[in-house]
Amino acid sequence: MDKMQPIGVLDSGVGGLSVLKCLHQMLPHEDFIYVGDTARTPYGTRSEQEIRGFVGEIIDWLAAKNVKQVVIACNTLTMLGVDSLRGSHPFSVVGMSKGAQQLLAASPHKKIGVLATQFTIASGLHKKAILAADAQAQVYPVACPKFVPLIEGERFDSPELRQAVAEYTEPFKKAGVEAVILSCTHYPFIKEQIEADLGPKVKVLDPAAATSADAIAALKGEGLLRTEGKGRLQVCCTADLARVERLAGRMLPVDDCDFSLIDLKEN
């Protein structure tokens, strides 16, 4: 592989654009190809076998574009195991960080909240990772099924979103939580609303920076890190291109982006 090859980033929808934002900021010399499978989102209601099939299609499509690395910009997909998703492809596959060390550093009394999808919360892996780092931590996981449909539907200023934020943060207020991690890549789209609801004493963390650091470490280890030039962003989706462009405008410098509608069956 060559360091001039692009990096692939994938998600079931638009949430991964929040990770792409961080990757682009931390790796400004790299070219990225983002794939959001907006035609089949959400994945959460589908079987694991079906989800694995979809992700395999996206990774195969990215492989045909000659990527040097793939970042799984989705916590739910990361739960499936990055090694199994990689299959026989020669490039590294990086999943979302669970952010355990970030959370513990931001919480003096080790009172930690986790906001995530039902699938991610049910896996228990975030709580397990935090307790493995510090067995004294108190972890409060909350599943947020209303968030993704509201974000995908661009309902950012709606009373429904305000009500959902208040509902999901209430357990944290009762418990005196000091740090909260957004363990779904959609949630940084509403980070400001969550921060406003919790107040200034609660630190709201996005694991995208730690994930980007993992991607950088893998590239350095393989001698594939670019250090010169200005990178471009190719944002691809399988449906709803105009909506994806609007949502990308909330996260990315659109002047650095090329947008396209793709068919994963074609390369």
C-alpha atoms as a PDB file:
ATOM      1  CA  MET A   1       0.000   0.000   0.000  1.00  0.00           C
ATOM      2  CA  ASP A   2       0.988   3.610  -0.531  1.00  0.00           C
ATOM      3  CA  LYS A   3       0.562   6.624   1.748  1.00  0.00           C
ATOM      4  CA  MET A   4      -1.141   8.563  -1.083  1.00  0.00           C
ATOM      5  CA  GLN A   5      -4.121   6.183  -1.031  1.00  0.00           C
ATOM      6  CA  PRO A   6      -7.333   7.496   0.612  1.00  0.00           C
ATOM      7  CA  ILE A   7      -8.859   6.504   3.945  1.00  0.00           C
ATOM      8  CA  GLY A   8     -12.340   4.989   3.941  1.00  0.00           C
ATOM      9  CA  VAL A   9     -14.930   5.951   6.558  1.00  0.00           C
ATOM     10  CA  LEU A  10     -18.297   4.218   6.861  1.00  0.00           C
ATOM     11  CA  ASP A  11     -21.573   4.429   8.738  1.00  0.00           C
ATOM     12  CA  SER A  12     -25.148   3.270   8.305  1.00  0.00           C
ATOM     13  CA  GLY A  13     -26.242   6.901   7.845  1.00  0.00           C
ATOM     14  CA  VAL A  14     -25.066  10.457   8.506  1.00  0.00           C
ATOM     15  CA  GLY A  15     -23.798  10.046  12.081  1.00  0.00           C
ATOM     16  CA  GLY A  16     -20.299   9.167  10.934  1.00  0.00           C
ATOM     17  CA  LEU A  17     -19.935  12.643   9.446  1.00  0.00           C
ATOM     18  CA  SER A  18     -19.122  13.782  13.003  1.00  0.00           C
ATOM     19  CA  VAL A  19     -16.164  11.382  13.008  1.00  0.00           C
ATOM     20  CA  LEU A  20     -15.123  12.456   9.519  1.00  0.00           C
ATOM     21  CA  LYS A  21     -15.028  16.040  10.811  1.00  0.00           C
ATOM     22  CA  CYS A  22     -12.547  15.097  13.526  1.00  0.00           C
ATOM     23  CA  LEU A  23     -10.480  12.892  11.217  1.00  0.00           C
ATOM     24  CA  HIS A  24     -10.181  15.723   8.701  1.00  0.00           C
ATOM     25  CA  GLN A  25      -9.138  18.173  11.418  1.00  0.00           C
ATOM     26  CA  MET A  26      -6.481  15.824  12.812  1.00  0.00           C
ATOM     27  CA  LEU A  27      -5.357  14.481   9.414  1.00  0.00           C
ATOM     28  CA  PRO A  28      -5.596  17.518   7.107  1.00  0.00           C
ATOM     29  CA  HIS A  29      -3.236  16.027   4.511  1.00  0.00           C
ATOM     30  CA  GLU A  30      -5.287  12.864   3.952  1.00  0.00           C
ATOM     31  CA  ASP A  31      -7.956  12.159   1.348  1.00  0.00           C
ATOM     32  CA  PHE A  32     -11.123  10.531   2.695  1.00  0.00           C
ATOM     33  CA  ILE A  33     -13.964   8.582   1.110  1.00  0.00           C
ATOM     34  CA  TYR A  34     -17.039   8.503   3.343  1.00  0.00           C
ATOM     35  CA  VAL A  35     -19.904   6.069   2.720  1.00  0.00           C
ATOM     36  CA  GLY A  36     -23.231   6.505   4.500  1.00  0.00           C
ATOM     37  CA  ASP A  37     -25.723   3.741   3.718  1.00  0.00           C
ATOM     38  CA  THR A  38     -28.699   6.084   3.898  1.00  0.00           C
ATOM     39  CA  ALA A  39     -30.852   3.810   1.709  1.00  0.00           C
ATOM     40  CA  ARG A  40     -30.901   1.103   4.395  1.00  0.00           C
ATOM     41  CA  THR A  41     -30.578   3.100   7.614  1.00  0.00           C
ATOM     42  CA  PRO A  42     -31.331   2.454  10.436  1.00  0.00           C
ATOM     43  CA  TYR A  43     -29.458  -0.798  10.895  1.00  0.00           C
ATOM     44  CA  GLY A  44     -30.561  -1.228  14.502  1.00  0.00           C
ATOM     45  CA  THR A  45     -33.790  -3.062  13.683  1.00  0.00           C
ATOM     46  CA  ARG A  46     -32.051  -5.623  11.439  1.00  0.00           C
ATOM     47  CA  SER A  47     -30.453  -8.968  12.259  1.00  0.00           C
ATOM     48  CA  GLU A  48     -26.725  -9.191  12.959  1.00  0.00           C
ATOM     49  CA  GLN A  49     -26.279 -11.366   9.874  1.00  0.00           C
ATOM     50  CA  GLU A  50     -27.958  -8.760   7.669  1.00  0.00           C
ATOM     51  CA  ILE A  51     -25.917  -5.926   9.202  1.00  0.00           C
ATOM     52  CA  ARG A  52     -22.677  -7.839   8.651  1.00  0.00           C
ATOM     53  CA  GLY A  53     -23.695  -8.343   5.028  1.00  0.00           C
ATOM     54  CA  PHE A  54     -24.296  -4.620   4.546  1.00  0.00           C
ATOM     55  CA  VAL A  55     -20.990  -3.640   6.158  1.00  0.00           C
ATOM     56  CA  GLY A  56     -19.183  -6.229   4.065  1.00  0.00           C
ATOM     57  CA  GLU A  57     -20.623  -4.653   0.919  1.00  0.00           C
ATOM     58  CA  ILE A  58     -19.417  -1.187   1.966  1.00  0.00           C
ATOM     59  CA  ILE A  59     -15.916  -2.405   2.880  1.00  0.00           C
ATOM     60  CA  ASP A  60     -15.669  -4.283  -0.430  1.00  0.00           C
ATOM     61  CA  TRP A  61     -16.752  -1.116  -2.269  1.00  0.00           C
ATOM     62  CA  LEU A  62     -14.113   0.924  -0.424  1.00  0.00           C
ATOM     63  CA  ALA A  63     -11.492  -1.742  -1.115  1.00  0.00           C
ATOM     64  CA  ALA A  64     -12.199  -1.325  -4.827  1.00  0.00           C
ATOM     65  CA  LYS A  65     -11.415   2.379  -4.363  1.00  0.00           C
ATOM     66  CA  ASN A  66      -7.957   1.361  -3.140  1.00  0.00           C
ATOM     67  CA  VAL A  67      -8.228   2.661   0.433  1.00  0.00           C
ATOM     68  CA  LYS A  68      -5.309   2.182   2.833  1.00  0.00           C
ATOM     69  CA  GLN A  69      -7.474   2.093   5.980  1.00  0.00           C
ATOM     70  CA  VAL A  70     -11.154   1.918   6.961  1.00  0.00           C
ATOM     71  CA  VAL A  71     -12.622   3.689   9.996  1.00  0.00           C
ATOM     72  CA  ILE A  72     -15.917   2.230  11.282  1.00  0.00           C
ATOM     73  CA  ALA A  73     -17.582   5.515  12.273  1.00  0.00           C
ATOM     74  CA  CYS A  74     -20.409   3.835  14.167  1.00  0.00           C
ATOM     75  CA  ASN A  75     -20.446   2.496  17.731  1.00  0.00           C
ATOM     76  CA  THR A  76     -23.094  -0.136  16.953  1.00  0.00           C
ATOM     77  CA  LEU A  77     -21.063  -1.572  14.063  1.00  0.00           C
ATOM     78  CA  THR A  78     -17.894  -1.471  16.175  1.00  0.00           C
ATOM     79  CA  MET A  79     -19.646  -3.764  18.671  1.00  0.00           C
ATOM     80  CA  LEU A  80     -19.626  -6.478  15.961  1.00  0.00           C
ATOM     81  CA  GLY A  81     -15.812  -6.637  16.148  1.00  0.00           C
ATOM     82  CA  VAL A  82     -13.484  -4.843  13.759  1.00  0.00           C
ATOM     83  CA  ASP A  83     -11.340  -7.914  13.080  1.00  0.00           C
ATOM     84  CA  SER A  84     -14.321  -9.912  11.872  1.00  0.00           C
ATOM     85  CA  LEU A  85     -15.514  -6.988   9.736  1.00  0.00           C
ATOM     86  CA  ARG A  86     -12.070  -6.629   8.162  1.00  0.00           C
ATOM     87  CA  GLY A  87     -12.188 -10.142   6.758  1.00  0.00           C
ATOM     88  CA  SER A  88      -9.303 -10.851   4.395  1.00  0.00           C
ATOM     89  CA  HIS A  89      -8.669  -7.239   3.354  1.00  0.00           C
ATOM     90  CA  PRO A  90      -5.054  -6.080   3.740  1.00  0.00           C
ATOM     91  CA  PHE A  91      -5.767  -2.668   5.277  1.00  0.00           C
ATOM     92  CA  SER A  92      -6.289  -1.823   8.946  1.00  0.00           C
ATOM     93  CA  VAL A  93      -9.838  -1.355  10.250  1.00  0.00           C
ATOM     94  CA  VAL A  94     -10.324   1.044  13.176  1.00  0.00           C
ATOM     95  CA  GLY A  95     -13.461   1.067  15.303  1.00  0.00           C
ATOM     96  CA  MET A  96     -14.913   3.694  17.630  1.00  0.00           C
ATOM     97  CA  SER A  97     -13.079   4.267  20.912  1.00  0.00           C
ATOM     98  CA  LYS A  98     -15.059   3.595  24.086  1.00  0.00           C
ATOM     99  CA  GLY A  99     -13.427   6.650  25.690  1.00  0.00           C
ATOM    100  CA  ALA A 100     -12.904   5.077  29.135  1.00  0.00           C
ATOM    101  CA  GLN A 101      -9.755   7.044  29.978  1.00  0.00           C
ATOM    102  CA  GLN A 102     -11.279  10.311  28.741  1.00  0.00           C
ATOM    103  CA  LEU A 103     -14.295   9.812  30.976  1.00  0.00           C
ATOM    104  CA  LEU A 104     -12.327   8.912  34.087  1.00  0.00           C
ATOM    105  CA  ALA A 105     -10.043  11.933  33.608  1.00  0.00           C
ATOM    106  CA  ALA A 106     -13.083  14.221  33.355  1.00  0.00           C
ATOM    107  CA  SER A 107     -14.924  12.801  36.382  1.00  0.00           C
ATOM    108  CA  PRO A 108     -13.253  13.438  39.772  1.00  0.00           C
ATOM    109  CA  HIS A 109     -15.804  11.312  41.633  1.00  0.00           C
ATOM    110  CA  LYS A 110     -16.016   8.670  38.890  1.00  0.00           C
ATOM    111  CA  LYS A 111     -19.695   9.242  38.149  1.00  0.00           C
ATOM    112  CA  ILE A 112     -20.086   8.590  34.446  1.00  0.00           C
ATOM    113  CA  GLY A 113     -23.004   8.627  32.015  1.00  0.00           C
ATOM    114  CA  VAL A 114     -23.211   6.823  28.666  1.00  0.00           C
ATOM    115  CA  LEU A 115     -25.678   7.875  25.952  1.00  0.00           C
ATOM    116  CA  ALA A 116     -25.986   5.320  23.143  1.00  0.00           C
ATOM    117  CA  THR A 117     -28.334   3.232  21.009  1.00  0.00           C
ATOM    118  CA  GLN A 118     -30.266   0.347  22.500  1.00  0.00           C
ATOM    119  CA  PHE A 119     -27.950  -2.165  20.783  1.00  0.00           C
ATOM    120  CA  THR A 120     -24.800  -0.540  22.179  1.00  0.00           C
ATOM    121  CA  ILE A 121     -26.199  -0.225  25.707  1.00  0.00           C
ATOM    122  CA  ALA A 122     -27.456  -3.822  25.643  1.00  0.00           C
ATOM    123  CA  SER A 123     -23.967  -5.055  24.731  1.00  0.00           C
ATOM    124  CA  GLY A 124     -22.654  -3.677  28.035  1.00  0.00           C
ATOM    125  CA  LEU A 125     -19.217  -3.178  26.468  1.00  0.00           C
ATOM    126  CA  HIS A 126     -18.836   0.509  27.331  1.00  0.00           C
ATOM    127  CA  LYS A 127     -19.638  -0.094  31.001  1.00  0.00           C
ATOM    128  CA  LYS A 128     -17.298  -3.086  31.006  1.00  0.00           C
ATOM    129  CA  ALA A 129     -14.446  -1.015  29.510  1.00  0.00           C
ATOM    130  CA  ILE A 130     -14.902   1.773  32.063  1.00  0.00           C
ATOM    131  CA  LEU A 131     -15.006  -0.638  35.019  1.00  0.00           C
ATOM    132  CA  ALA A 132     -11.957  -2.454  33.656  1.00  0.00           C
ATOM    133  CA  ALA A 133     -10.085   0.848  33.759  1.00  0.00           C
ATOM    134  CA  ASP A 134     -11.406   1.715  37.240  1.00  0.00           C
ATOM    135  CA  ALA A 135     -13.507  -0.742  39.222  1.00  0.00           C
ATOM    136  CA  GLN A 136     -14.691   2.061  41.538  1.00  0.00           C
ATOM    137  CA  ALA A 137     -16.443   3.966  38.762  1.00  0.00           C
ATOM    138  CA  GLN A 138     -20.220   4.384  38.850  1.00  0.00           C
ATOM    139  CA  VAL A 139     -21.592   4.017  35.320  1.00  0.00           C
ATOM    140  CA  TYR A 140     -25.088   5.067  34.250  1.00  0.00           C
ATOM    141  CA  PRO A 141     -25.946   3.799  30.727  1.00  0.00           C
ATOM    142  CA  VAL A 142     -29.001   5.279  28.980  1.00  0.00           C
ATOM    143  CA  ALA A 143     -30.414   4.062  25.654  1.00  0.00           C
ATOM    144  CA  CYS A 144     -31.737   6.867  23.438  1.00  0.00           C
ATOM    145  CA  PRO A 145     -34.009   5.417  20.731  1.00  0.00           C
ATOM    146  CA  LYS A 146     -35.602   8.774  19.867  1.00  0.00           C
ATOM    147  CA  PHE A 147     -32.360  10.603  18.994  1.00  0.00           C
ATOM    148  CA  VAL A 148     -31.336   9.058  15.656  1.00  0.00           C
ATOM    149  CA  PRO A 149     -34.727   9.465  13.902  1.00  0.00           C
ATOM    150  CA  LEU A 150     -34.892  13.104  15.068  1.00  0.00           C
ATOM    151  CA  ILE A 151     -31.335  13.819  13.856  1.00  0.00           C
ATOM    152  CA  GLU A 152     -31.763  12.001  10.543  1.00  0.00           C
ATOM    153  CA  GLY A 153     -35.033  13.925  10.138  1.00  0.00           C
ATOM    154  CA  GLU A 154     -33.246  17.268  10.785  1.00  0.00           C
ATOM    155  CA  ARG A 155     -35.508  18.031  13.766  1.00  0.00           C
ATOM    156  CA  PHE A 156     -32.811  20.010  15.569  1.00  0.00           C
ATOM    157  CA  ASP A 157     -35.004  22.809  16.901  1.00  0.00           C
ATOM    158  CA  SER A 158     -38.100  20.733  17.578  1.00  0.00           C
ATOM    159  CA  PRO A 159     -39.886  20.396  20.917  1.00  0.00           C
ATOM    160  CA  GLU A 160     -39.669  16.610  20.430  1.00  0.00           C
ATOM    161  CA  LEU A 161     -35.860  16.797  20.527  1.00  0.00           C
ATOM    162  CA  ARG A 162     -35.871  19.032  23.607  1.00  0.00           C
ATOM    163  CA  GLN A 163     -38.209  16.586  25.356  1.00  0.00           C
ATOM    164  CA  ALA A 164     -36.046  13.610  24.378  1.00  0.00           C
ATOM    165  CA  VAL A 165     -32.882  15.305  25.663  1.00  0.00           C
ATOM    166  CA  ALA A 166     -34.577  16.111  28.970  1.00  0.00           C
ATOM    167  CA  GLU A 167     -35.862  12.527  29.280  1.00  0.00           C
ATOM    168  CA  TYR A 168     -32.503  10.879  28.637  1.00  0.00           C
ATOM    169  CA  THR A 169     -30.434  13.214  30.818  1.00  0.00           C
ATOM    170  CA  GLU A 170     -32.744  13.054  33.840  1.00  0.00           C
ATOM    171  CA  PRO A 171     -31.051   9.933  35.319  1.00  0.00           C
ATOM    172  CA  PHE A 172     -27.687  11.716  35.124  1.00  0.00           C
ATOM    173  CA  LYS A 173     -28.983  14.717  37.035  1.00  0.00           C
ATOM    174  CA  LYS A 174     -30.412  12.505  39.763  1.00  0.00           C
ATOM    175  CA  ALA A 175     -27.129  10.587  40.072  1.00  0.00           C
ATOM    176  CA  GLY A 176     -24.858  13.654  40.036  1.00  0.00           C
ATOM    177  CA  VAL A 177     -22.989  12.474  36.930  1.00  0.00           C
ATOM    178  CA  GLU A 178     -19.894  14.556  36.113  1.00  0.00           C
ATOM    179  CA  ALA A 179     -18.985  13.305  32.621  1.00  0.00           C
ATOM    180  CA  VAL A 180     -21.096  11.913  29.779  1.00  0.00           C
ATOM    181  CA  ILE A 181     -19.903  10.221  26.600  1.00  0.00           C
ATOM    182  CA  LEU A 182     -21.821  10.387  23.324  1.00  0.00           C
ATOM    183  CA  SER A 183     -21.487   6.747  22.296  1.00  0.00           C
ATOM    184  CA  CYS A 184     -23.369   7.103  19.036  1.00  0.00           C
ATOM    185  CA  THR A 185     -21.818   9.090  16.193  1.00  0.00           C
ATOM    186  CA  HIS A 186     -25.145  10.814  15.508  1.00  0.00           C
ATOM    187  CA  TYR A 187     -25.207  12.462  18.932  1.00  0.00           C
ATOM    188  CA  PRO A 188     -22.487  15.120  18.320  1.00  0.00           C
ATOM    189  CA  PHE A 189     -25.040  16.737  15.976  1.00  0.00           C
ATOM    190  CA  ILE A 190     -26.980  17.651  19.149  1.00  0.00           C
ATOM    191  CA  LYS A 191     -24.043  18.033  21.548  1.00  0.00           C
ATOM    192  CA  GLU A 192     -24.880  21.688  22.222  1.00  0.00           C
ATOM    193  CA  GLN A 193     -28.452  20.812  23.200  1.00  0.00           C
ATOM    194  CA  ILE A 194     -27.231  18.070  25.544  1.00  0.00           C
ATOM    195  CA  GLU A 195     -24.612  20.372  27.097  1.00  0.00           C
ATOM    196  CA  ALA A 196     -27.198  23.109  27.612  1.00  0.00           C
ATOM    197  CA  ASP A 197     -29.553  20.694  29.343  1.00  0.00           C
ATOM    198  CA  LEU A 198     -26.905  19.210  31.660  1.00  0.00           C
ATOM    199  CA  GLY A 199     -25.282  22.523  32.544  1.00  0.00           C
ATOM    200  CA  PRO A 200     -21.667  23.706  32.683  1.00  0.00           C
ATOM    201  CA  LYS A 201     -20.547  21.373  35.482  1.00  0.00           C
ATOM    202  CA  VAL A 202     -21.010  18.243  33.358  1.00  0.00           C
ATOM    203  CA  LYS A 203     -18.401  17.437  30.710  1.00  0.00           C
ATOM    204  CA  VAL A 204     -19.910  16.024  27.497  1.00  0.00           C
ATOM    205  CA  LEU A 205     -17.346  13.989  25.539  1.00  0.00           C
ATOM    206  CA  ASP A 206     -17.214  12.887  21.918  1.00  0.00           C
ATOM    207  CA  PRO A 207     -15.018   9.785  21.332  1.00  0.00           C
ATOM    208  CA  ALA A 208     -14.195  10.902  17.770  1.00  0.00           C
ATOM    209  CA  ALA A 209     -10.868  12.438  18.868  1.00  0.00           C
ATOM    210  CA  ALA A 210      -9.720   9.232  20.560  1.00  0.00           C
ATOM    211  CA  THR A 211     -10.879   7.246  17.527  1.00  0.00           C
ATOM    212  CA  SER A 212      -8.925   9.566  15.219  1.00  0.00           C
ATOM    213  CA  ALA A 213      -5.845   9.112  17.419  1.00  0.00           C
ATOM    214  CA  ASP A 214      -6.218   5.326  17.028  1.00  0.00           C
ATOM    215  CA  ALA A 215      -6.411   5.753  13.239  1.00  0.00           C
ATOM    216  CA  ILE A 216      -3.275   7.926  13.251  1.00  0.00           C
ATOM    217  CA  ALA A 217      -1.377   5.398  15.346  1.00  0.00           C
ATOM    218  CA  ALA A 218      -2.275   2.603  12.924  1.00  0.00           C
ATOM    219  CA  LEU A 219      -1.172   4.671   9.910  1.00  0.00           C
ATOM    220  CA  LYS A 220       2.119   5.614  11.584  1.00  0.00           C
ATOM    221  CA  GLY A 221       2.771   2.013  12.482  1.00  0.00           C
ATOM    222  CA  GLU A 222       2.392   1.018   8.835  1.00  0.00           C
ATOM    223  CA  GLY A 223       4.327   3.981   7.438  1.00  0.00           C
ATOM    224  CA  LEU A 224       1.199   5.240   5.638  1.00  0.00           C
ATOM    225  CA  LEU A 225       0.703   8.675   7.257  1.00  0.00           C
ATOM    226  CA  ARG A 226       0.671  11.621   4.858  1.00  0.00           C
ATOM    227  CA  THR A 227       2.395  14.788   6.059  1.00  0.00           C
ATOM    228  CA  GLU A 228       2.087  17.033   3.015  1.00  0.00           C
ATOM    229  CA  GLY A 229      -0.616  18.436   0.763  1.00  0.00           C
ATOM    230  CA  LYS A 230      -4.255  19.332   1.327  1.00  0.00           C
ATOM    231  CA  GLY A 231      -6.713  16.483   1.637  1.00  0.00           C
ATOM    232  CA  ARG A 232     -10.107  16.227  -0.052  1.00  0.00           C
ATOM    233  CA  LEU A 233     -13.318  14.690   1.247  1.00  0.00           C
ATOM    234  CA  GLN A 234     -15.508  12.533  -0.954  1.00  0.00           C
ATOM    235  CA  VAL A 235     -18.885  12.121   0.752  1.00  0.00           C
ATOM    236  CA  CYS A 236     -20.943   9.283  -0.728  1.00  0.00           C
ATOM    237  CA  CYS A 237     -24.391   8.025   0.197  1.00  0.00           C
ATOM    238  CA  THR A 238     -26.830   5.440  -1.112  1.00  0.00           C
ATOM    239  CA  ALA A 239     -29.943   7.692  -0.960  1.00  0.00           C
ATOM    240  CA  ASP A 240     -31.118  11.221  -0.041  1.00  0.00           C
ATOM    241  CA  LEU A 241     -28.116  13.104  -1.401  1.00  0.00           C
ATOM    242  CA  ALA A 242     -29.593  16.582  -0.819  1.00  0.00           C
ATOM    243  CA  ARG A 243     -30.298  15.781   2.853  1.00  0.00           C
ATOM    244  CA  VAL A 244     -26.804  14.388   3.318  1.00  0.00           C
ATOM    245  CA  GLU A 245     -25.329  17.584   1.845  1.00  0.00           C
ATOM    246  CA  ARG A 246     -27.371  19.696   4.276  1.00  0.00           C
ATOM    247  CA  LEU A 247     -26.310  17.642   7.286  1.00  0.00           C
ATOM    248  CA  ALA A 248     -22.690  17.597   6.136  1.00  0.00           C
ATOM    249  CA  GLY A 249     -22.826  21.391   6.149  1.00  0.00           C
ATOM    250  CA  ARG A 250     -23.288  21.210   9.935  1.00  0.00           C
ATOM    251  CA  MET A 251     -20.030  19.273  10.360  1.00  0.00           C
ATOM    252  CA  LEU A 252     -17.675  19.731   7.412  1.00  0.00           C
ATOM    253  CA  PRO A 253     -16.043  22.468   5.312  1.00  0.00           C
ATOM    254  CA  VAL A 254     -18.210  21.840   2.252  1.00  0.00           C
ATOM    255  CA  ASP A 255     -15.708  23.619  -0.021  1.00  0.00           C
ATOM    256  CA  ASP A 256     -13.369  20.682   0.640  1.00  0.00           C
ATOM    257  CA  CYS A 257     -16.080  18.116  -0.163  1.00  0.00           C
ATOM    258  CA  ASP A 258     -17.319  16.322  -3.246  1.00  0.00           C
ATOM    259  CA  PHE A 259     -20.746  14.718  -2.885  1.00  0.00           C
ATOM    260  CA  SER A 260     -22.064  11.729  -4.824  1.00  0.00           C
ATOM    261  CA  LEU A 261     -24.872   9.183  -4.841  1.00  0.00           C
ATOM    262  CA  ILE A 262     -23.522   5.640  -5.190  1.00  0.00           C
ATOM    263  CA  ASP A 263     -24.697   2.093  -5.845  1.00  0.00           C
ATOM    264  CA  LEU A 264     -22.769  -0.349  -3.657  1.00  0.00           C
ATOM    265  CA  LYS A 265     -23.328  -3.079  -6.257  1.00  0.00           C
ATOM    266  CA  GLU A 266     -21.223  -1.109  -8.728  1.00  0.00           C
ATOM    267  CA  ASN A 267     -17.566  -0.026  -8.524  1.00  0.00           C
END
